[in-house]
Amino acid sequence: MQLSFLTYTGGIAETNGYFLPSPDGGILIDAPEGVCDWLAAQGLRPSHLLLTHQHFDHVMDAAALQARGTKICAFANYDSALTLEHVTRSWGMPDVKAFVVDELLDPQNAFTMAGRSFELAHVPGHAPDSLTFFDAEHGWLFSGDTLFQQSIGRTDIPNHGNHAQLLRGIKKHLLTLPGDTKVFPGHGPSTTIAHEARSNPYLR
């Protein structure tokens, strides 16, 4: 299947960002380090950035994109506790440059932006602000760090992780999607709902 979006992978955690073009600029899902310059080199400027969650590797370029006119949409307002800077400082990493969330997303409501419609699900357990974005028209799920090929998001982060909560959310919100739904995660290769329901060792 020919995909009508672009994938960028960058930063220390090899984080995926997805650019979905549209006539008015397009949508970027997550902002790993380097994605702002990558988009600029191709003459692309997203009108909106949708954050699956605010862990540092997903928002490193959020402020740079905002400075170029991109509006940021997320489940919660910017918070250095959500970006895990208390952890990354111990690794000698620079802090995430602060940004402003322009629009808070309500997971109870579907929304349309830049000509694309998404159904939202709030699936905490990896991060308290984790959202997934489901494009029912194309059968695409942008899962952030909730669900990966043969894995799930880590749940050992203090004050963030809850293994049982994450599993409940995946089973309630994600495994109930059509089996042929293509899953595009925050790290690693794509998969499908049917494949993960059948063979993901964390979901058996």
C-alpha atoms as a PDB file:
ATOM      1  CA  MET A   1       0.000   0.000   0.000  1.00  0.00           C
ATOM      2  CA  GLN A   2       1.328   3.434  -0.942  1.00  0.00           C
ATOM      3  CA  LEU A   3       1.305   5.634   2.126  1.00  0.00           C
ATOM      4  CA  SER A   4       0.403   9.280   1.680  1.00  0.00           C
ATOM      5  CA  PHE A   5       2.585  10.526   4.521  1.00  0.00           C
ATOM      6  CA  LEU A   6       6.269  10.824   5.347  1.00  0.00           C
ATOM      7  CA  THR A   7       8.140   9.273   8.267  1.00  0.00           C
ATOM      8  CA  TYR A   8      11.131  10.837  10.001  1.00  0.00           C
ATOM      9  CA  THR A   9      13.183   9.004  12.635  1.00  0.00           C
ATOM     10  CA  GLY A  10      15.659  10.890  14.795  1.00  0.00           C
ATOM     11  CA  GLY A  11      17.102  11.671  18.188  1.00  0.00           C
ATOM     12  CA  ILE A  12      18.810   9.573  20.827  1.00  0.00           C
ATOM     13  CA  ALA A  13      15.827   7.189  21.074  1.00  0.00           C
ATOM     14  CA  GLU A  14      15.268   6.909  17.288  1.00  0.00           C
ATOM     15  CA  THR A  15      11.789   8.366  17.642  1.00  0.00           C
ATOM     16  CA  ASN A  16       9.337   8.392  14.750  1.00  0.00           C
ATOM     17  CA  GLY A  17       7.566  11.521  13.569  1.00  0.00           C
ATOM     18  CA  TYR A  18       4.863  11.346  10.902  1.00  0.00           C
ATOM     19  CA  PHE A  19       4.075  14.185   8.492  1.00  0.00           C
ATOM     20  CA  LEU A  20       0.645  14.041   6.850  1.00  0.00           C
ATOM     21  CA  PRO A  21       0.490  16.636   4.054  1.00  0.00           C
ATOM     22  CA  SER A  22      -2.539  18.720   3.217  1.00  0.00           C
ATOM     23  CA  PRO A  23      -3.232  21.816   1.085  1.00  0.00           C
ATOM     24  CA  ASP A  24      -2.924  24.115   4.105  1.00  0.00           C
ATOM     25  CA  GLY A  25       0.407  22.798   5.353  1.00  0.00           C
ATOM     26  CA  GLY A  26      -0.233  19.406   6.871  1.00  0.00           C
ATOM     27  CA  ILE A  27      -0.047  17.754  10.271  1.00  0.00           C
ATOM     28  CA  LEU A  28       2.996  16.438  12.115  1.00  0.00           C
ATOM     29  CA  ILE A  29       2.554  13.725  14.731  1.00  0.00           C
ATOM     30  CA  ASP A  30       5.328  14.069  17.329  1.00  0.00           C
ATOM     31  CA  ALA A  31       8.478  16.168  17.064  1.00  0.00           C
ATOM     32  CA  PRO A  32      11.678  14.169  17.505  1.00  0.00           C
ATOM     33  CA  GLU A  33      15.022  15.947  17.421  1.00  0.00           C
ATOM     34  CA  GLY A  34      15.939  17.104  13.916  1.00  0.00           C
ATOM     35  CA  VAL A  35      12.478  16.938  12.366  1.00  0.00           C
ATOM     36  CA  CYS A  36      12.142  20.737  12.126  1.00  0.00           C
ATOM     37  CA  ASP A  37      15.221  21.088   9.901  1.00  0.00           C
ATOM     38  CA  TRP A  38      14.246  17.964   7.947  1.00  0.00           C
ATOM     39  CA  LEU A  39      10.860  19.462   7.109  1.00  0.00           C
ATOM     40  CA  ALA A  40      12.364  22.863   6.273  1.00  0.00           C
ATOM     41  CA  ALA A  41      14.867  21.276   3.885  1.00  0.00           C
ATOM     42  CA  GLN A  42      11.909  19.880   1.935  1.00  0.00           C
ATOM     43  CA  GLY A  43       9.963  23.129   2.009  1.00  0.00           C
ATOM     44  CA  LEU A  44       7.339  21.687   4.364  1.00  0.00           C
ATOM     45  CA  ARG A  45       5.755  23.615   7.224  1.00  0.00           C
ATOM     46  CA  PRO A  46       3.078  21.780   9.222  1.00  0.00           C
ATOM     47  CA  SER A  47       0.153  23.861  10.384  1.00  0.00           C
ATOM     48  CA  HIS A  48      -0.319  21.664  13.465  1.00  0.00           C
ATOM     49  CA  LEU A  49       1.737  19.354  15.660  1.00  0.00           C
ATOM     50  CA  LEU A  50      -0.145  16.572  17.448  1.00  0.00           C
ATOM     51  CA  LEU A  51       1.673  15.126  20.444  1.00  0.00           C
ATOM     52  CA  THR A  52       1.105  11.516  21.458  1.00  0.00           C
ATOM     53  CA  HIS A  53       2.736  12.448  24.790  1.00  0.00           C
ATOM     54  CA  GLN A  54       5.389  14.831  26.088  1.00  0.00           C
ATOM     55  CA  HIS A  55       8.335  12.545  26.861  1.00  0.00           C
ATOM     56  CA  PHE A  56      11.482  14.411  25.821  1.00  0.00           C
ATOM     57  CA  ASP A  57      12.232  12.368  22.715  1.00  0.00           C
ATOM     58  CA  HIS A  58       8.817  13.169  21.233  1.00  0.00           C
ATOM     59  CA  VAL A  59       8.967  16.940  21.810  1.00  0.00           C
ATOM     60  CA  MET A  60      12.607  17.986  21.318  1.00  0.00           C
ATOM     61  CA  ASP A  61      11.725  20.058  18.237  1.00  0.00           C
ATOM     62  CA  ALA A  62       8.299  21.264  19.399  1.00  0.00           C
ATOM     63  CA  ALA A  63       9.481  24.770  20.337  1.00  0.00           C
ATOM     64  CA  ALA A  64      11.416  25.162  17.080  1.00  0.00           C
ATOM     65  CA  LEU A  65       8.353  24.192  15.073  1.00  0.00           C
ATOM     66  CA  GLN A  66       6.189  26.566  17.094  1.00  0.00           C
ATOM     67  CA  ALA A  67       8.619  29.395  16.349  1.00  0.00           C
ATOM     68  CA  ARG A  68       7.983  28.726  12.648  1.00  0.00           C
ATOM     69  CA  GLY A  69       4.226  29.017  13.093  1.00  0.00           C
ATOM     70  CA  THR A  70       3.116  25.454  13.890  1.00  0.00           C
ATOM     71  CA  LYS A  71       0.316  25.185  16.466  1.00  0.00           C
ATOM     72  CA  ILE A  72       0.740  22.493  19.102  1.00  0.00           C
ATOM     73  CA  CYS A  73      -2.093  20.198  20.208  1.00  0.00           C
ATOM     74  CA  ALA A  74      -1.790  17.808  23.159  1.00  0.00           C
ATOM     75  CA  PHE A  75      -3.700  16.167  25.992  1.00  0.00           C
ATOM     76  CA  ALA A  76      -2.060  18.365  28.660  1.00  0.00           C
ATOM     77  CA  ASN A  77      -0.235  21.663  28.893  1.00  0.00           C
ATOM     78  CA  TYR A  78       3.558  21.662  28.717  1.00  0.00           C
ATOM     79  CA  ASP A  79       5.130  20.429  31.934  1.00  0.00           C
ATOM     80  CA  SER A  80       8.777  19.609  32.566  1.00  0.00           C
ATOM     81  CA  ALA A  81       7.616  16.678  34.692  1.00  0.00           C
ATOM     82  CA  LEU A  82       5.951  15.210  31.602  1.00  0.00           C
ATOM     83  CA  THR A  83       9.080  15.708  29.483  1.00  0.00           C
ATOM     84  CA  LEU A  84      11.101  13.739  32.088  1.00  0.00           C
ATOM     85  CA  GLU A  85      13.772  16.388  32.464  1.00  0.00           C
ATOM     86  CA  HIS A  86      14.438  15.204  36.032  1.00  0.00           C
ATOM     87  CA  VAL A  87      15.629  11.986  34.379  1.00  0.00           C
ATOM     88  CA  THR A  88      17.407  13.354  31.308  1.00  0.00           C
ATOM     89  CA  ARG A  89      19.469  15.836  33.351  1.00  0.00           C
ATOM     90  CA  SER A  90      21.084  12.899  35.107  1.00  0.00           C
ATOM     91  CA  TRP A  91      22.117  11.653  31.655  1.00  0.00           C
ATOM     92  CA  GLY A  92      23.786  14.978  30.859  1.00  0.00           C
ATOM     93  CA  MET A  93      21.192  15.853  28.218  1.00  0.00           C
ATOM     94  CA  PRO A  94      19.975  19.416  27.578  1.00  0.00           C
ATOM     95  CA  ASP A  95      16.517  20.375  28.763  1.00  0.00           C
ATOM     96  CA  VAL A  96      13.620  20.443  26.350  1.00  0.00           C
ATOM     97  CA  LYS A  97      13.002  24.003  25.199  1.00  0.00           C
ATOM     98  CA  ALA A  98       9.655  25.055  26.669  1.00  0.00           C
ATOM     99  CA  PHE A  99       6.679  25.407  24.352  1.00  0.00           C
ATOM    100  CA  VAL A 100       3.022  26.394  24.669  1.00  0.00           C
ATOM    101  CA  VAL A 101       0.189  23.970  23.952  1.00  0.00           C
ATOM    102  CA  ASP A 102      -2.200  25.929  21.741  1.00  0.00           C
ATOM    103  CA  GLU A 103      -5.073  23.453  21.947  1.00  0.00           C
ATOM    104  CA  LEU A 104      -5.898  20.826  24.556  1.00  0.00           C
ATOM    105  CA  LEU A 105      -7.378  17.712  22.965  1.00  0.00           C
ATOM    106  CA  ASP A 106     -10.454  16.023  24.414  1.00  0.00           C
ATOM    107  CA  PRO A 107     -10.267  12.239  23.903  1.00  0.00           C
ATOM    108  CA  GLN A 108     -14.058  12.041  24.147  1.00  0.00           C
ATOM    109  CA  ASN A 109     -14.433  13.868  20.860  1.00  0.00           C
ATOM    110  CA  ALA A 110     -13.251  13.101  17.344  1.00  0.00           C
ATOM    111  CA  PHE A 111     -11.762  16.094  15.595  1.00  0.00           C
ATOM    112  CA  THR A 112     -10.935  17.233  12.077  1.00  0.00           C
ATOM    113  CA  MET A 113      -7.825  19.217  11.300  1.00  0.00           C
ATOM    114  CA  ALA A 114      -6.186  20.150   8.001  1.00  0.00           C
ATOM    115  CA  GLY A 115      -8.749  18.021   6.182  1.00  0.00           C
ATOM    116  CA  ARG A 116      -8.054  14.878   8.239  1.00  0.00           C
ATOM    117  CA  SER A 117     -10.321  13.338  10.875  1.00  0.00           C
ATOM    118  CA  PHE A 118      -9.053  11.467  13.919  1.00  0.00           C
ATOM    119  CA  GLU A 119     -10.597   9.505  16.738  1.00  0.00           C
ATOM    120  CA  LEU A 120      -8.692   9.961  19.988  1.00  0.00           C
ATOM    121  CA  ALA A 121      -8.048   7.619  22.870  1.00  0.00           C
ATOM    122  CA  HIS A 122      -6.396   8.480  26.174  1.00  0.00           C
ATOM    123  CA  VAL A 123      -4.244   5.448  27.028  1.00  0.00           C
ATOM    124  CA  PRO A 124      -2.064   6.201  30.078  1.00  0.00           C
ATOM    125  CA  GLY A 125       0.310   3.705  31.628  1.00  0.00           C
ATOM    126  CA  HIS A 126       3.471   4.613  29.726  1.00  0.00           C
ATOM    127  CA  ALA A 127       2.876   8.332  30.265  1.00  0.00           C
ATOM    128  CA  PRO A 128      -0.046  10.035  32.011  1.00  0.00           C
ATOM    129  CA  ASP A 129      -0.812  12.167  28.945  1.00  0.00           C
ATOM    130  CA  SER A 130      -0.601   9.470  26.263  1.00  0.00           C
ATOM    131  CA  LEU A 131      -2.981   9.789  23.316  1.00  0.00           C
ATOM    132  CA  THR A 132      -3.454   7.669  20.216  1.00  0.00           C
ATOM    133  CA  PHE A 133      -4.771   9.025  16.912  1.00  0.00           C
ATOM    134  CA  PHE A 134      -6.923   6.788  14.712  1.00  0.00           C
ATOM    135  CA  ASP A 135      -7.616   7.761  11.098  1.00  0.00           C
ATOM    136  CA  ALA A 136     -10.632   5.566  10.348  1.00  0.00           C
ATOM    137  CA  GLU A 137     -10.782   6.602   6.689  1.00  0.00           C
ATOM    138  CA  HIS A 138      -7.384   5.074   5.973  1.00  0.00           C
ATOM    139  CA  GLY A 139      -7.270   2.521   8.791  1.00  0.00           C
ATOM    140  CA  TRP A 140      -4.189   4.085  10.380  1.00  0.00           C
ATOM    141  CA  LEU A 141      -3.435   4.200  14.093  1.00  0.00           C
ATOM    142  CA  PHE A 142      -0.646   6.484  15.325  1.00  0.00           C
ATOM    143  CA  SER A 143       0.022   4.790  18.631  1.00  0.00           C
ATOM    144  CA  GLY A 144       2.872   6.775  20.166  1.00  0.00           C
ATOM    145  CA  ASP A 145       4.523   4.660  22.846  1.00  0.00           C
ATOM    146  CA  THR A 146       1.458   2.653  23.830  1.00  0.00           C
ATOM    147  CA  LEU A 147       1.804  -0.213  21.351  1.00  0.00           C
ATOM    148  CA  PHE A 148       4.789  -1.384  19.285  1.00  0.00           C
ATOM    149  CA  GLN A 149       5.495  -4.322  17.044  1.00  0.00           C
ATOM    150  CA  GLN A 150       5.748  -7.210  19.535  1.00  0.00           C
ATOM    151  CA  SER A 151       5.973  -4.882  22.519  1.00  0.00           C
ATOM    152  CA  ILE A 152       4.303  -2.125  24.532  1.00  0.00           C
ATOM    153  CA  GLY A 153       5.525   1.097  26.128  1.00  0.00           C
ATOM    154  CA  ARG A 154       7.808   0.773  29.129  1.00  0.00           C
ATOM    155  CA  THR A 155       6.024   1.169  32.443  1.00  0.00           C
ATOM    156  CA  ASP A 156       8.944   1.429  34.874  1.00  0.00           C
ATOM    157  CA  ILE A 157       9.232   5.229  34.845  1.00  0.00           C
ATOM    158  CA  PRO A 158       8.558   6.552  38.387  1.00  0.00           C
ATOM    159  CA  ASN A 159       5.273   8.466  38.711  1.00  0.00           C
ATOM    160  CA  HIS A 160       4.506   7.759  35.049  1.00  0.00           C
ATOM    161  CA  GLY A 161       4.279   4.041  34.470  1.00  0.00           C
ATOM    162  CA  ASN A 162       1.482   1.649  35.374  1.00  0.00           C
ATOM    163  CA  HIS A 163       1.664  -1.711  33.647  1.00  0.00           C
ATOM    164  CA  ALA A 164      -1.868  -2.896  34.424  1.00  0.00           C
ATOM    165  CA  GLN A 165      -3.345   0.452  33.396  1.00  0.00           C
ATOM    166  CA  LEU A 166      -1.529   0.387  30.054  1.00  0.00           C
ATOM    167  CA  LEU A 167      -2.705  -3.147  29.291  1.00  0.00           C
ATOM    168  CA  ARG A 168      -6.297  -2.240  30.151  1.00  0.00           C
ATOM    169  CA  GLY A 169      -6.155   0.781  27.875  1.00  0.00           C
ATOM    170  CA  ILE A 170      -4.660  -1.150  24.963  1.00  0.00           C
ATOM    171  CA  LYS A 171      -7.290  -3.867  25.231  1.00  0.00           C
ATOM    172  CA  LYS A 172     -10.148  -1.376  25.577  1.00  0.00           C
ATOM    173  CA  HIS A 173      -9.172   1.225  23.005  1.00  0.00           C
ATOM    174  CA  LEU A 174      -6.757  -0.393  20.541  1.00  0.00           C
ATOM    175  CA  LEU A 175      -7.486  -4.105  20.251  1.00  0.00           C
ATOM    176  CA  THR A 176     -11.142  -3.245  19.576  1.00  0.00           C
ATOM    177  CA  LEU A 177     -10.152  -1.505  16.310  1.00  0.00           C
ATOM    178  CA  PRO A 178     -10.459  -3.452  13.022  1.00  0.00           C
ATOM    179  CA  GLY A 179      -7.800  -6.129  12.738  1.00  0.00           C
ATOM    180  CA  ASP A 180      -6.399  -4.719   9.513  1.00  0.00           C
ATOM    181  CA  THR A 181      -5.696  -1.351  11.147  1.00  0.00           C
ATOM    182  CA  LYS A 182      -2.111  -0.385  10.398  1.00  0.00           C
ATOM    183  CA  VAL A 183      -0.247   0.703  13.524  1.00  0.00           C
ATOM    184  CA  PHE A 184       2.450   3.370  13.259  1.00  0.00           C
ATOM    185  CA  PRO A 185       4.284   3.548  16.600  1.00  0.00           C
ATOM    186  CA  GLY A 186       6.593   6.079  18.210  1.00  0.00           C
ATOM    187  CA  HIS A 187       9.573   3.752  17.744  1.00  0.00           C
ATOM    188  CA  GLY A 188      10.330   0.899  15.389  1.00  0.00           C
ATOM    189  CA  PRO A 189       8.456  -0.553  12.417  1.00  0.00           C
ATOM    190  CA  SER A 190       4.742  -0.562  11.696  1.00  0.00           C
ATOM    191  CA  THR A 191       2.462  -3.481  12.487  1.00  0.00           C
ATOM    192  CA  THR A 192      -1.259  -4.284  12.520  1.00  0.00           C
ATOM    193  CA  ILE A 193      -3.816  -4.683  15.274  1.00  0.00           C
ATOM    194  CA  ALA A 194      -4.492  -8.289  14.234  1.00  0.00           C
ATOM    195  CA  HIS A 195      -0.814  -9.203  14.365  1.00  0.00           C
ATOM    196  CA  GLU A 196      -0.364  -7.736  17.851  1.00  0.00           C
ATOM    197  CA  ALA A 197      -3.582  -9.250  19.183  1.00  0.00           C
ATOM    198  CA  ARG A 198      -2.391 -12.632  17.952  1.00  0.00           C
ATOM    199  CA  SER A 199       1.307 -12.636  18.782  1.00  0.00           C
ATOM    200  CA  ASN A 200       2.355  -9.748  21.045  1.00  0.00           C
ATOM    201  CA  PRO A 201       3.708 -11.502  24.163  1.00  0.00           C
ATOM    202  CA  TYR A 202       2.514  -8.704  26.463  1.00  0.00           C
ATOM    203  CA  LEU A 203      -1.098  -9.045  25.304  1.00  0.00           C
ATOM    204  CA  ARG A 204      -1.636 -12.774  25.651  1.00  0.00           C
END
